[in-house]
Amino acid sequence: MAVGYAVARRPREILLLEQGKAFDTYSGSLASSHRRNADHEPIAMTWVIGVSSIFGYGAMMSDVRVTFRDGRQRDLVQKAYAVGPYIVAGFAGSVKIGFQMLDSLANFLVVPPDAPQPGSWDPEWVAEHWKPIAVHVFARADAQEQALRCQILLVGMSQKIDPEVLANPRAVKTPHACVVRFSSPNFDPIIANKRLSVDHIGSGATVEHYTKMMQHHFDLGSDTLKAEMGALGMWPKMLGHSVARLVADHPIDGISPHVHILVCRNGEIFEMTNDEKRFPADGSEPIEFKMPAVAKNYQEFLVMCCTSAIAAEGAVA
């Protein structure tokens, strides 16, 4: 059995918290976690966000916009997917390399035939052992695509119990999600393994108005966290709707308001969008805000580009 694969323990649905003492909460700007060097400078397109909930699961939100070499933009690509138990991953940068990276990661996370069921991959182990494969995939890519760079964001369930949780007698001991970021060309993993951790790839994280508006979702007393008590996945669902409103009200080049939302916890991964019916203030007919048709692999992307008479080479997500 692979060393990084372990029996998955189903999380309880409610954690008993002593606010401000059980876990580190979000503070400061979302952009503050980025290291300002060549490897970790955000790619100037797209927005993919990875988060760890206090409720024993992780989530990822990704927009769908692609910018082509001639400057045209289309809402055309799903950028985040389930890649293994129980891990989701998304990409930014070269569309071609991004899909190659996710294919590589999914192949790496094929469950061994002798593995216990249900089980899950340890995200920190994956980060360490997939890194050299990512470096190899990137090194083999065309120089034109390499110039567009590549970032990968990963969210997965860890079976390790945080020492801060072990030290708190009021906290239920449950698995938690880790968020990991990789950036070309070295793909050194940056790991956030606290509950209510957040990381991101793409340019959305550098827009001050976006980060300020998103900050309240990471406070322990926020209404969005309270909504989670009513239904699993409400917190990331509300995050996704917040992204849509932010981008619609304050559009930034290369970022779409349409968002895929993936939620992973022990035993399942499920996907949703931020589709909604909007009711104009003037009383006119409701507007359906609905995810457009998007490519879910590179071959589908090539077909869509051919249909639209757009060159796929050099596309950035």
C-alpha atoms as a PDB file:
ATOM      1  CA  MET A   1       0.000   0.000   0.000  1.00  0.00           C
ATOM      2  CA  ALA A   2       1.264   3.518  -0.818  1.00  0.00           C
ATOM      3  CA  VAL A   3       2.726   5.348   2.184  1.00  0.00           C
ATOM      4  CA  GLY A   4       0.631   8.467   1.551  1.00  0.00           C
ATOM      5  CA  TYR A   5      -2.694   6.597   1.518  1.00  0.00           C
ATOM      6  CA  ALA A   6      -4.629   6.019   4.763  1.00  0.00           C
ATOM      7  CA  VAL A   7      -8.016   4.949   6.057  1.00  0.00           C
ATOM      8  CA  ALA A   8     -10.452   7.847   5.885  1.00  0.00           C
ATOM      9  CA  ARG A   9     -12.430   8.766   9.002  1.00  0.00           C
ATOM     10  CA  ARG A  10     -15.838  10.334   8.469  1.00  0.00           C
ATOM     11  CA  PRO A  11     -15.959  13.794  10.123  1.00  0.00           C
ATOM     12  CA  ARG A  12     -18.697  14.744  12.550  1.00  0.00           C
ATOM     13  CA  GLU A  13     -20.908  17.537  11.317  1.00  0.00           C
ATOM     14  CA  ILE A  14     -20.534  19.900  14.297  1.00  0.00           C
ATOM     15  CA  LEU A  15     -17.414  21.152  16.041  1.00  0.00           C
ATOM     16  CA  LEU A  16     -17.567  22.639  19.529  1.00  0.00           C
ATOM     17  CA  LEU A  17     -15.506  25.784  19.476  1.00  0.00           C
ATOM     18  CA  GLU A  18     -14.401  28.363  21.941  1.00  0.00           C
ATOM     19  CA  GLN A  19     -14.282  31.334  19.612  1.00  0.00           C
ATOM     20  CA  GLY A  20     -10.831  32.763  19.074  1.00  0.00           C
ATOM     21  CA  LYS A  21      -9.019  29.936  20.905  1.00  0.00           C
ATOM     22  CA  ALA A  22      -9.683  26.696  19.044  1.00  0.00           C
ATOM     23  CA  PHE A  23      -8.361  27.674  15.622  1.00  0.00           C
ATOM     24  CA  ASP A  24      -6.486  30.417  13.831  1.00  0.00           C
ATOM     25  CA  THR A  25      -8.951  32.503  11.840  1.00  0.00           C
ATOM     26  CA  TYR A  26      -8.480  34.446   8.646  1.00  0.00           C
ATOM     27  CA  SER A  27      -6.805  37.800   9.153  1.00  0.00           C
ATOM     28  CA  GLY A  28      -5.404  40.465   6.873  1.00  0.00           C
ATOM     29  CA  SER A  29      -5.465  40.405   3.081  1.00  0.00           C
ATOM     30  CA  LEU A  30      -5.990  37.259   1.062  1.00  0.00           C
ATOM     31  CA  ALA A  31      -2.982  38.331  -0.952  1.00  0.00           C
ATOM     32  CA  SER A  32      -0.719  38.440   2.088  1.00  0.00           C
ATOM     33  CA  SER A  33       0.193  34.750   1.901  1.00  0.00           C
ATOM     34  CA  HIS A  34       1.941  35.138  -1.457  1.00  0.00           C
ATOM     35  CA  ARG A  35       5.705  35.220  -1.537  1.00  0.00           C
ATOM     36  CA  ARG A  36       6.781  37.945  -3.914  1.00  0.00           C
ATOM     37  CA  ASN A  37       9.335  36.136  -6.021  1.00  0.00           C
ATOM     38  CA  ALA A  38       9.406  34.783  -9.565  1.00  0.00           C
ATOM     39  CA  ASP A  39       7.948  31.410  -8.638  1.00  0.00           C
ATOM     40  CA  HIS A  40       5.020  32.729  -6.597  1.00  0.00           C
ATOM     41  CA  GLU A  41       4.037  35.982  -8.347  1.00  0.00           C
ATOM     42  CA  PRO A  42       0.309  35.587  -9.156  1.00  0.00           C
ATOM     43  CA  ILE A  43      -0.504  34.867 -12.802  1.00  0.00           C
ATOM     44  CA  ALA A  44      -2.221  37.907 -14.313  1.00  0.00           C
ATOM     45  CA  MET A  45      -5.418  36.100 -15.285  1.00  0.00           C
ATOM     46  CA  THR A  46      -8.115  34.027 -13.554  1.00  0.00           C
ATOM     47  CA  TRP A  47      -9.021  33.415  -9.906  1.00  0.00           C
ATOM     48  CA  VAL A  48      -8.924  30.018  -8.191  1.00  0.00           C
ATOM     49  CA  ILE A  49      -9.478  29.898  -4.414  1.00  0.00           C
ATOM     50  CA  GLY A  50      -8.842  26.989  -2.030  1.00  0.00           C
ATOM     51  CA  VAL A  51     -10.223  26.985   1.514  1.00  0.00           C
ATOM     52  CA  SER A  52     -10.330  24.769   4.590  1.00  0.00           C
ATOM     53  CA  SER A  53     -13.577  24.851   6.570  1.00  0.00           C
ATOM     54  CA  ILE A  54     -13.982  24.473  10.346  1.00  0.00           C
ATOM     55  CA  PHE A  55     -16.604  21.817   9.553  1.00  0.00           C
ATOM     56  CA  GLY A  56     -14.176  19.109   8.456  1.00  0.00           C
ATOM     57  CA  TYR A  57     -14.069  19.672   4.705  1.00  0.00           C
ATOM     58  CA  GLY A  58     -12.235  21.668   2.052  1.00  0.00           C
ATOM     59  CA  ALA A  59     -13.512  23.570  -0.969  1.00  0.00           C
ATOM     60  CA  MET A  60     -12.272  25.118  -4.179  1.00  0.00           C
ATOM     61  CA  MET A  61     -13.796  27.852  -6.343  1.00  0.00           C
ATOM     62  CA  SER A  62     -12.585  28.531  -9.891  1.00  0.00           C
ATOM     63  CA  ASP A  63     -13.722  30.863 -12.645  1.00  0.00           C
ATOM     64  CA  VAL A  64     -13.952  29.770 -16.310  1.00  0.00           C
ATOM     65  CA  ARG A  65     -12.421  32.582 -18.393  1.00  0.00           C
ATOM     66  CA  VAL A  66      -9.649  32.042 -20.933  1.00  0.00           C
ATOM     67  CA  THR A  67      -7.558  34.746 -22.601  1.00  0.00           C
ATOM     68  CA  PHE A  68      -6.212  33.905 -26.048  1.00  0.00           C
ATOM     69  CA  ARG A  69      -3.015  35.005 -27.718  1.00  0.00           C
ATOM     70  CA  ASP A  70      -4.874  37.567 -29.886  1.00  0.00           C
ATOM     71  CA  GLY A  71      -6.391  39.171 -26.772  1.00  0.00           C
ATOM     72  CA  ARG A  72      -9.888  37.716 -27.107  1.00  0.00           C
ATOM     73  CA  GLN A  73     -11.507  36.284 -23.991  1.00  0.00           C
ATOM     74  CA  ARG A  74     -14.093  33.528 -23.599  1.00  0.00           C
ATOM     75  CA  ASP A  75     -15.775  31.769 -20.666  1.00  0.00           C
ATOM     76  CA  LEU A  76     -14.651  28.372 -21.910  1.00  0.00           C
ATOM     77  CA  VAL A  77     -12.767  26.153 -19.430  1.00  0.00           C
ATOM     78  CA  GLN A  78     -13.435  24.357 -16.156  1.00  0.00           C
ATOM     79  CA  LYS A  79     -10.209  24.768 -14.187  1.00  0.00           C
ATOM     80  CA  ALA A  80     -10.826  22.653 -11.046  1.00  0.00           C
ATOM     81  CA  TYR A  81     -11.552  18.909 -10.724  1.00  0.00           C
ATOM     82  CA  ALA A  82     -11.599  15.952  -8.380  1.00  0.00           C
ATOM     83  CA  VAL A  83      -8.274  14.161  -8.918  1.00  0.00           C
ATOM     84  CA  GLY A  84      -8.317  11.455  -6.231  1.00  0.00           C
ATOM     85  CA  PRO A  85      -9.737  10.489  -2.822  1.00  0.00           C
ATOM     86  CA  TYR A  86     -10.303  13.032  -1.389  1.00  0.00           C
ATOM     87  CA  ILE A  87      -8.428  15.727  -3.268  1.00  0.00           C
ATOM     88  CA  VAL A  88      -9.449  18.470  -5.700  1.00  0.00           C
ATOM     89  CA  ALA A  89      -7.074  20.581  -7.781  1.00  0.00           C
ATOM     90  CA  GLY A  90      -7.211  23.595 -10.092  1.00  0.00           C
ATOM     91  CA  PHE A  91      -4.822  25.416 -12.399  1.00  0.00           C
ATOM     92  CA  ALA A  92      -3.886  28.877 -13.645  1.00  0.00           C
ATOM     93  CA  GLY A  93      -1.555  29.835 -16.477  1.00  0.00           C
ATOM     94  CA  SER A  94      -1.083  27.894 -19.703  1.00  0.00           C
ATOM     95  CA  VAL A  95      -4.288  25.986 -20.479  1.00  0.00           C
ATOM     96  CA  LYS A  96      -2.352  23.210 -22.205  1.00  0.00           C
ATOM     97  CA  ILE A  97       0.110  22.704 -19.350  1.00  0.00           C
ATOM     98  CA  GLY A  98      -2.655  23.074 -16.763  1.00  0.00           C
ATOM     99  CA  PHE A  99      -4.626  20.169 -18.185  1.00  0.00           C
ATOM    100  CA  GLN A 100      -1.426  18.110 -18.479  1.00  0.00           C
ATOM    101  CA  MET A 101      -0.676  18.786 -14.812  1.00  0.00           C
ATOM    102  CA  LEU A 102      -4.133  17.704 -13.642  1.00  0.00           C
ATOM    103  CA  ASP A 103      -3.937  14.553 -15.799  1.00  0.00           C
ATOM    104  CA  SER A 104      -0.543  13.813 -14.237  1.00  0.00           C
ATOM    105  CA  LEU A 105      -1.896  14.367 -10.729  1.00  0.00           C
ATOM    106  CA  ALA A 106      -4.932  12.131 -11.340  1.00  0.00           C
ATOM    107  CA  ASN A 107      -2.654   9.344 -12.641  1.00  0.00           C
ATOM    108  CA  PHE A 108      -0.387   9.751  -9.625  1.00  0.00           C
ATOM    109  CA  LEU A 109      -3.371   9.397  -7.276  1.00  0.00           C
ATOM    110  CA  VAL A 110      -4.770   6.159  -8.698  1.00  0.00           C
ATOM    111  CA  VAL A 111      -5.680   4.086  -5.640  1.00  0.00           C
ATOM    112  CA  PRO A 112      -3.509   0.947  -5.171  1.00  0.00           C
ATOM    113  CA  PRO A 113      -5.505  -2.303  -5.534  1.00  0.00           C
ATOM    114  CA  ASP A 114      -4.538  -3.448  -2.019  1.00  0.00           C
ATOM    115  CA  ALA A 115      -5.527  -0.165  -0.341  1.00  0.00           C
ATOM    116  CA  PRO A 116      -8.202  -0.120   2.403  1.00  0.00           C
ATOM    117  CA  GLN A 117     -11.600   1.316   1.554  1.00  0.00           C
ATOM    118  CA  PRO A 118     -12.637   3.969   2.118  1.00  0.00           C
ATOM    119  CA  GLY A 119      -9.283   5.714   2.204  1.00  0.00           C
ATOM    120  CA  SER A 120      -7.719   9.027   1.282  1.00  0.00           C
ATOM    121  CA  TRP A 121      -4.405  10.434   0.128  1.00  0.00           C
ATOM    122  CA  ASP A 122      -2.514  12.614   2.583  1.00  0.00           C
ATOM    123  CA  PRO A 123      -2.211  16.014   0.826  1.00  0.00           C
ATOM    124  CA  GLU A 124       1.138  16.855   2.425  1.00  0.00           C
ATOM    125  CA  TRP A 125       2.586  13.525   1.248  1.00  0.00           C
ATOM    126  CA  VAL A 126       1.161  14.175  -2.214  1.00  0.00           C
ATOM    127  CA  ALA A 127       2.717  17.640  -2.259  1.00  0.00           C
ATOM    128  CA  GLU A 128       6.160  16.242  -1.515  1.00  0.00           C
ATOM    129  CA  HIS A 129       6.071  13.275  -3.880  1.00  0.00           C
ATOM    130  CA  TRP A 130       4.213  14.795  -6.847  1.00  0.00           C
ATOM    131  CA  LYS A 131       6.471  17.869  -6.994  1.00  0.00           C
ATOM    132  CA  PRO A 132       9.267  16.198  -9.092  1.00  0.00           C
ATOM    133  CA  ILE A 133       6.638  14.880 -11.509  1.00  0.00           C
ATOM    134  CA  ALA A 134       5.220  18.388 -11.922  1.00  0.00           C
ATOM    135  CA  VAL A 135       8.709  19.739 -12.592  1.00  0.00           C
ATOM    136  CA  HIS A 136       9.206  17.056 -15.273  1.00  0.00           C
ATOM    137  CA  VAL A 137       5.846  17.745 -16.959  1.00  0.00           C
ATOM    138  CA  PHE A 138       6.595  21.470 -17.090  1.00  0.00           C
ATOM    139  CA  ALA A 139      10.152  20.946 -18.386  1.00  0.00           C
ATOM    140  CA  ARG A 140       8.819  18.870 -21.312  1.00  0.00           C
ATOM    141  CA  ALA A 141       6.328  21.550 -22.401  1.00  0.00           C
ATOM    142  CA  ASP A 142       6.878  23.878 -25.347  1.00  0.00           C
ATOM    143  CA  ALA A 143       8.820  27.033 -24.520  1.00  0.00           C
ATOM    144  CA  GLN A 144       5.861  29.147 -25.672  1.00  0.00           C
ATOM    145  CA  GLU A 145       3.583  27.465 -23.145  1.00  0.00           C
ATOM    146  CA  GLN A 146       6.241  27.588 -20.403  1.00  0.00           C
ATOM    147  CA  ALA A 147       6.400  31.360 -20.845  1.00  0.00           C
ATOM    148  CA  LEU A 148       2.742  31.516 -19.795  1.00  0.00           C
ATOM    149  CA  ARG A 149       3.711  29.790 -16.521  1.00  0.00           C
ATOM    150  CA  CYS A 150       1.660  27.363 -14.462  1.00  0.00           C
ATOM    151  CA  GLN A 151       0.233  27.344 -10.952  1.00  0.00           C
ATOM    152  CA  ILE A 152      -1.601  24.467  -9.302  1.00  0.00           C
ATOM    153  CA  LEU A 153      -3.819  24.715  -6.228  1.00  0.00           C
ATOM    154  CA  LEU A 154      -4.716  21.560  -4.319  1.00  0.00           C
ATOM    155  CA  VAL A 155      -7.204  20.984  -1.493  1.00  0.00           C
ATOM    156  CA  GLY A 156      -7.308  17.607   0.229  1.00  0.00           C
ATOM    157  CA  MET A 157      -8.375  15.869   3.423  1.00  0.00           C
ATOM    158  CA  SER A 158      -5.706  15.181   6.032  1.00  0.00           C
ATOM    159  CA  GLN A 159      -6.182  12.463   8.645  1.00  0.00           C
ATOM    160  CA  LYS A 160      -3.659  14.154  10.950  1.00  0.00           C
ATOM    161  CA  ILE A 161      -5.049  15.939  13.985  1.00  0.00           C
ATOM    162  CA  ASP A 162      -3.800  19.493  14.416  1.00  0.00           C
ATOM    163  CA  PRO A 163      -1.785  19.875  17.671  1.00  0.00           C
ATOM    164  CA  GLU A 164      -3.886  22.941  18.540  1.00  0.00           C
ATOM    165  CA  VAL A 165      -7.016  20.815  18.289  1.00  0.00           C
ATOM    166  CA  LEU A 166      -5.492  18.042  20.418  1.00  0.00           C
ATOM    167  CA  ALA A 167      -4.681  20.645  23.074  1.00  0.00           C
ATOM    168  CA  ASN A 168      -8.245  21.982  23.164  1.00  0.00           C
ATOM    169  CA  PRO A 169     -10.545  19.700  25.218  1.00  0.00           C
ATOM    170  CA  ARG A 170     -13.650  21.374  23.761  1.00  0.00           C
ATOM    171  CA  ALA A 171     -12.791  20.612  20.132  1.00  0.00           C
ATOM    172  CA  VAL A 172     -14.014  17.433  18.455  1.00  0.00           C
ATOM    173  CA  LYS A 173     -11.051  15.567  16.977  1.00  0.00           C
ATOM    174  CA  THR A 174     -11.858  15.362  13.257  1.00  0.00           C
ATOM    175  CA  PRO A 175      -9.898  15.311   9.996  1.00  0.00           C
ATOM    176  CA  HIS A 176      -9.335  18.667   8.315  1.00  0.00           C
ATOM    177  CA  ALA A 177      -8.473  19.992   4.878  1.00  0.00           C
ATOM    178  CA  CYS A 178      -5.059  21.215   3.722  1.00  0.00           C
ATOM    179  CA  VAL A 179      -4.528  23.777   0.964  1.00  0.00           C
ATOM    180  CA  VAL A 180      -1.353  23.480  -1.144  1.00  0.00           C
ATOM    181  CA  ARG A 181      -0.040  25.834  -3.839  1.00  0.00           C
ATOM    182  CA  PHE A 182       2.586  24.995  -6.487  1.00  0.00           C
ATOM    183  CA  SER A 183       4.176  27.428  -8.971  1.00  0.00           C
ATOM    184  CA  SER A 184       6.387  26.847 -12.002  1.00  0.00           C
ATOM    185  CA  PRO A 185       9.167  26.172 -12.655  1.00  0.00           C
ATOM    186  CA  ASN A 186      10.208  24.650  -9.301  1.00  0.00           C
ATOM    187  CA  PHE A 187       6.766  23.710  -7.924  1.00  0.00           C
ATOM    188  CA  ASP A 188       7.891  23.986  -4.309  1.00  0.00           C
ATOM    189  CA  PRO A 189       4.722  23.310  -2.281  1.00  0.00           C
ATOM    190  CA  ILE A 190       3.357  26.044  -0.017  1.00  0.00           C
ATOM    191  CA  ILE A 191       1.140  24.280   2.533  1.00  0.00           C
ATOM    192  CA  ALA A 192      -1.633  25.809   4.659  1.00  0.00           C
ATOM    193  CA  ASN A 193      -2.920  23.165   7.086  1.00  0.00           C
ATOM    194  CA  LYS A 194      -4.966  25.158   9.583  1.00  0.00           C
ATOM    195  CA  ARG A 195      -8.754  25.212   9.663  1.00  0.00           C
ATOM    196  CA  LEU A 196     -10.112  28.323   7.943  1.00  0.00           C
ATOM    197  CA  SER A 197      -6.958  28.490   5.815  1.00  0.00           C
ATOM    198  CA  VAL A 198      -7.204  30.123   2.403  1.00  0.00           C
ATOM    199  CA  ASP A 199      -4.885  30.352  -0.601  1.00  0.00           C
ATOM    200  CA  HIS A 200      -5.346  31.274  -4.206  1.00  0.00           C
ATOM    201  CA  ILE A 201      -3.795  31.442  -7.660  1.00  0.00           C
ATOM    202  CA  GLY A 202      -4.398  34.003 -10.374  1.00  0.00           C
ATOM    203  CA  SER A 203      -4.842  37.747 -10.376  1.00  0.00           C
ATOM    204  CA  GLY A 204      -8.104  37.941  -8.394  1.00  0.00           C
ATOM    205  CA  ALA A 205      -6.167  37.618  -5.145  1.00  0.00           C
ATOM    206  CA  THR A 206      -4.205  40.823  -5.843  1.00  0.00           C
ATOM    207  CA  VAL A 207      -7.281  43.038  -6.271  1.00  0.00           C
ATOM    208  CA  GLU A 208      -7.683  44.908  -2.974  1.00  0.00           C
ATOM    209  CA  HIS A 209     -11.437  45.415  -3.322  1.00  0.00           C
ATOM    210  CA  TYR A 210     -11.953  41.688  -3.887  1.00  0.00           C
ATOM    211  CA  THR A 211      -9.908  40.653  -0.859  1.00  0.00           C
ATOM    212  CA  LYS A 212     -11.561  43.151   1.483  1.00  0.00           C
ATOM    213  CA  MET A 213     -15.044  42.051   0.445  1.00  0.00           C
ATOM    214  CA  MET A 214     -14.165  38.361   0.886  1.00  0.00           C
ATOM    215  CA  GLN A 215     -12.569  38.790   4.318  1.00  0.00           C
ATOM    216  CA  HIS A 216     -15.785  38.581   6.390  1.00  0.00           C
ATOM    217  CA  HIS A 217     -16.444  35.027   5.148  1.00  0.00           C
ATOM    218  CA  PHE A 218     -13.438  33.893   7.213  1.00  0.00           C
ATOM    219  CA  ASP A 219     -14.555  35.266  10.567  1.00  0.00           C
ATOM    220  CA  LEU A 220     -15.851  32.652  13.035  1.00  0.00           C
ATOM    221  CA  GLY A 221     -18.946  34.764  13.662  1.00  0.00           C
ATOM    222  CA  SER A 222     -19.817  35.328   9.981  1.00  0.00           C
ATOM    223  CA  ASP A 223     -23.326  34.661   8.690  1.00  0.00           C
ATOM    224  CA  THR A 224     -21.909  32.400   5.977  1.00  0.00           C
ATOM    225  CA  LEU A 225     -20.385  30.050   8.561  1.00  0.00           C
ATOM    226  CA  LYS A 226     -23.673  30.050  10.466  1.00  0.00           C
ATOM    227  CA  ALA A 227     -25.483  29.111   7.228  1.00  0.00           C
ATOM    228  CA  GLU A 228     -23.335  25.971   7.048  1.00  0.00           C
ATOM    229  CA  MET A 229     -25.171  24.640  10.086  1.00  0.00           C
ATOM    230  CA  GLY A 230     -28.289  24.449   7.935  1.00  0.00           C
ATOM    231  CA  ALA A 231     -26.853  22.570   4.957  1.00  0.00           C
ATOM    232  CA  LEU A 232     -23.485  21.068   4.007  1.00  0.00           C
ATOM    233  CA  GLY A 233     -21.664  23.196   1.449  1.00  0.00           C
ATOM    234  CA  MET A 234     -23.535  26.451   2.084  1.00  0.00           C
ATOM    235  CA  TRP A 235     -20.321  28.248   3.082  1.00  0.00           C
ATOM    236  CA  PRO A 236     -18.455  27.644  -0.217  1.00  0.00           C
ATOM    237  CA  LYS A 237     -21.726  28.150  -2.134  1.00  0.00           C
ATOM    238  CA  MET A 238     -22.015  31.629  -0.609  1.00  0.00           C
ATOM    239  CA  LEU A 239     -18.343  32.269  -1.346  1.00  0.00           C
ATOM    240  CA  GLY A 240     -19.049  31.412  -4.981  1.00  0.00           C
ATOM    241  CA  HIS A 241     -21.985  33.829  -5.132  1.00  0.00           C
ATOM    242  CA  SER A 242     -19.805  36.522  -3.542  1.00  0.00           C
ATOM    243  CA  VAL A 243     -17.212  36.032  -6.284  1.00  0.00           C
ATOM    244  CA  ALA A 244     -19.938  36.456  -8.929  1.00  0.00           C
ATOM    245  CA  ARG A 245     -21.201  39.694  -7.383  1.00  0.00           C
ATOM    246  CA  LEU A 246     -17.705  41.094  -6.918  1.00  0.00           C
ATOM    247  CA  VAL A 247     -16.657  40.394 -10.497  1.00  0.00           C
ATOM    248  CA  ALA A 248     -19.957  41.682 -11.916  1.00  0.00           C
ATOM    249  CA  ASP A 249     -19.791  44.922  -9.917  1.00  0.00           C
ATOM    250  CA  HIS A 250     -16.029  45.418 -10.304  1.00  0.00           C
ATOM    251  CA  PRO A 251     -14.922  43.586 -13.474  1.00  0.00           C
ATOM    252  CA  ILE A 252     -11.243  42.754 -13.821  1.00  0.00           C
ATOM    253  CA  ASP A 253      -9.640  41.669 -17.085  1.00  0.00           C
ATOM    254  CA  GLY A 254      -9.376  37.877 -17.352  1.00  0.00           C
ATOM    255  CA  ILE A 255     -11.804  36.905 -14.536  1.00  0.00           C
ATOM    256  CA  SER A 256     -15.304  35.502 -15.077  1.00  0.00           C
ATOM    257  CA  PRO A 257     -18.245  35.786 -12.644  1.00  0.00           C
ATOM    258  CA  HIS A 258     -19.155  32.147 -13.436  1.00  0.00           C
ATOM    259  CA  VAL A 259     -17.646  29.827 -10.818  1.00  0.00           C
ATOM    260  CA  HIS A 260     -17.346  26.078 -10.286  1.00  0.00           C
ATOM    261  CA  ILE A 261     -17.404  25.044  -6.607  1.00  0.00           C
ATOM    262  CA  LEU A 262     -15.941  21.718  -5.495  1.00  0.00           C
ATOM    263  CA  VAL A 263     -16.307  20.430  -1.936  1.00  0.00           C
ATOM    264  CA  CYS A 264     -14.246  17.513  -0.601  1.00  0.00           C
ATOM    265  CA  ARG A 265     -14.553  15.659   2.683  1.00  0.00           C
ATOM    266  CA  ASN A 266     -13.864  12.093   3.785  1.00  0.00           C
ATOM    267  CA  GLY A 267     -16.065   9.820   1.724  1.00  0.00           C
ATOM    268  CA  GLU A 268     -17.180  12.202  -1.009  1.00  0.00           C
ATOM    269  CA  ILE A 269     -16.447  15.037  -3.400  1.00  0.00           C
ATOM    270  CA  PHE A 270     -19.307  17.009  -4.883  1.00  0.00           C
ATOM    271  CA  GLU A 271     -19.485  19.833  -7.398  1.00  0.00           C
ATOM    272  CA  MET A 272     -21.837  22.764  -7.936  1.00  0.00           C
ATOM    273  CA  THR A 273     -21.905  26.156  -9.655  1.00  0.00           C
ATOM    274  CA  ASN A 274     -22.965  29.640  -8.591  1.00  0.00           C
ATOM    275  CA  ASP A 275     -25.967  29.647 -10.950  1.00  0.00           C
ATOM    276  CA  GLU A 276     -28.885  31.704  -9.713  1.00  0.00           C
ATOM    277  CA  LYS A 277     -32.015  33.542 -10.785  1.00  0.00           C
ATOM    278  CA  ARG A 278     -31.613  37.296 -10.419  1.00  0.00           C
ATOM    279  CA  PHE A 279     -34.549  39.650  -9.903  1.00  0.00           C
ATOM    280  CA  PRO A 280     -33.913  43.200 -11.212  1.00  0.00           C
ATOM    281  CA  ALA A 281     -34.793  46.082  -8.886  1.00  0.00           C
ATOM    282  CA  ASP A 282     -37.034  47.620 -11.552  1.00  0.00           C
ATOM    283  CA  GLY A 283     -39.381  44.610 -11.456  1.00  0.00           C
ATOM    284  CA  SER A 284     -38.537  43.404 -14.956  1.00  0.00           C
ATOM    285  CA  GLU A 285     -38.293  39.728 -15.892  1.00  0.00           C
ATOM    286  CA  PRO A 286     -35.899  37.571 -13.829  1.00  0.00           C
ATOM    287  CA  ILE A 287     -32.465  36.962 -15.333  1.00  0.00           C
ATOM    288  CA  GLU A 288     -31.022  33.453 -15.391  1.00  0.00           C
ATOM    289  CA  PHE A 289     -27.354  33.542 -14.414  1.00  0.00           C
ATOM    290  CA  LYS A 290     -26.170  30.153 -15.655  1.00  0.00           C
ATOM    291  CA  MET A 291     -22.835  28.454 -16.267  1.00  0.00           C
ATOM    292  CA  PRO A 292     -22.013  28.355 -20.003  1.00  0.00           C
ATOM    293  CA  ALA A 293     -20.808  25.217 -21.781  1.00  0.00           C
ATOM    294  CA  VAL A 294     -17.121  24.735 -20.907  1.00  0.00           C
ATOM    295  CA  ALA A 295     -14.307  22.359 -21.842  1.00  0.00           C
ATOM    296  CA  LYS A 296     -13.481  19.713 -19.247  1.00  0.00           C
ATOM    297  CA  ASN A 297     -10.270  18.459 -20.884  1.00  0.00           C
ATOM    298  CA  TYR A 298      -7.760  19.704 -23.433  1.00  0.00           C
ATOM    299  CA  GLN A 299      -9.305  17.805 -26.349  1.00  0.00           C
ATOM    300  CA  GLU A 300     -12.682  19.435 -25.702  1.00  0.00           C
ATOM    301  CA  PHE A 301     -10.897  22.775 -25.485  1.00  0.00           C
ATOM    302  CA  LEU A 302      -9.286  22.216 -28.905  1.00  0.00           C
ATOM    303  CA  VAL A 303     -12.674  21.386 -30.422  1.00  0.00           C
ATOM    304  CA  MET A 304     -14.299  24.496 -28.940  1.00  0.00           C
ATOM    305  CA  CYS A 305     -11.441  26.674 -30.175  1.00  0.00           C
ATOM    306  CA  CYS A 306     -11.705  25.162 -33.662  1.00  0.00           C
ATOM    307  CA  THR A 307     -15.468  25.776 -33.705  1.00  0.00           C
ATOM    308  CA  SER A 308     -14.896  29.420 -32.739  1.00  0.00           C
ATOM    309  CA  ALA A 309     -11.962  29.799 -35.171  1.00  0.00           C
ATOM    310  CA  ILE A 310      -9.571  30.734 -32.353  1.00  0.00           C
ATOM    311  CA  ALA A 311      -6.010  29.424 -32.023  1.00  0.00           C
ATOM    312  CA  ALA A 312      -5.712  27.287 -28.879  1.00  0.00           C
ATOM    313  CA  GLU A 313      -1.944  27.662 -28.618  1.00  0.00           C
ATOM    314  CA  GLY A 314      -0.871  30.267 -26.102  1.00  0.00           C
ATOM    315  CA  ALA A 315      -4.212  30.347 -24.271  1.00  0.00           C
ATOM    316  CA  VAL A 316      -4.042  31.488 -20.636  1.00  0.00           C
ATOM    317  CA  ALA A 317      -6.477  30.599 -17.859  1.00  0.00           C
END
